[in-house]
C-alpha cells in the first residue's frame, strides 16, 4: 500500500480514570502523563462525585507543554456547571499527547475545602505499550 496506510500501527482504545480530592484553591495539578508512545486523546469528562464546595470558582483541564491545549476551559468548568452530584462537563475531539506530555486540572477557588471530582479520559495509544499514568 502507498504511504499513509497506517500499516504496522496498533491503536489501542483505553479509558483512564482519576479521582480528584484536592483543595478548591490548589491551582495546577497533573492528572495524567503519557508514557512509552504517542496517545491520541478522544474525550475528557469531569464529573462531580458530590455537591461541589462553594470555595471552588472553576475547574479547567489542559494538556501539552505549558497547558496549550484547552480541553475544558474555566467558563465551561465553572462551579455552576459542576455544582451538584453527578453534574458533568465534557470535551470531545482529537488531540495528540506526546510521550511525557501531561494533562492537568487547574482548580481555582477562594478556599482550601476539598473537591470530589472524577476525571475520565478516553484515548488511543499508537502502540500497545502506550498508557496514561
Foldseek 3Di string as FASTA:
>chain_A
DDPPPLPPWDKAKDKDKDKFWWFLAPFKDFDWFKADFKKKWFKKKKAFQAFFDPQWQFKWKAKFDPRPGGWGDRVCRGCVQHGGHGRMDMGGDIDMAGHRITMIMTRRGRDGHITIMMMMIIIIGRDPPIDID
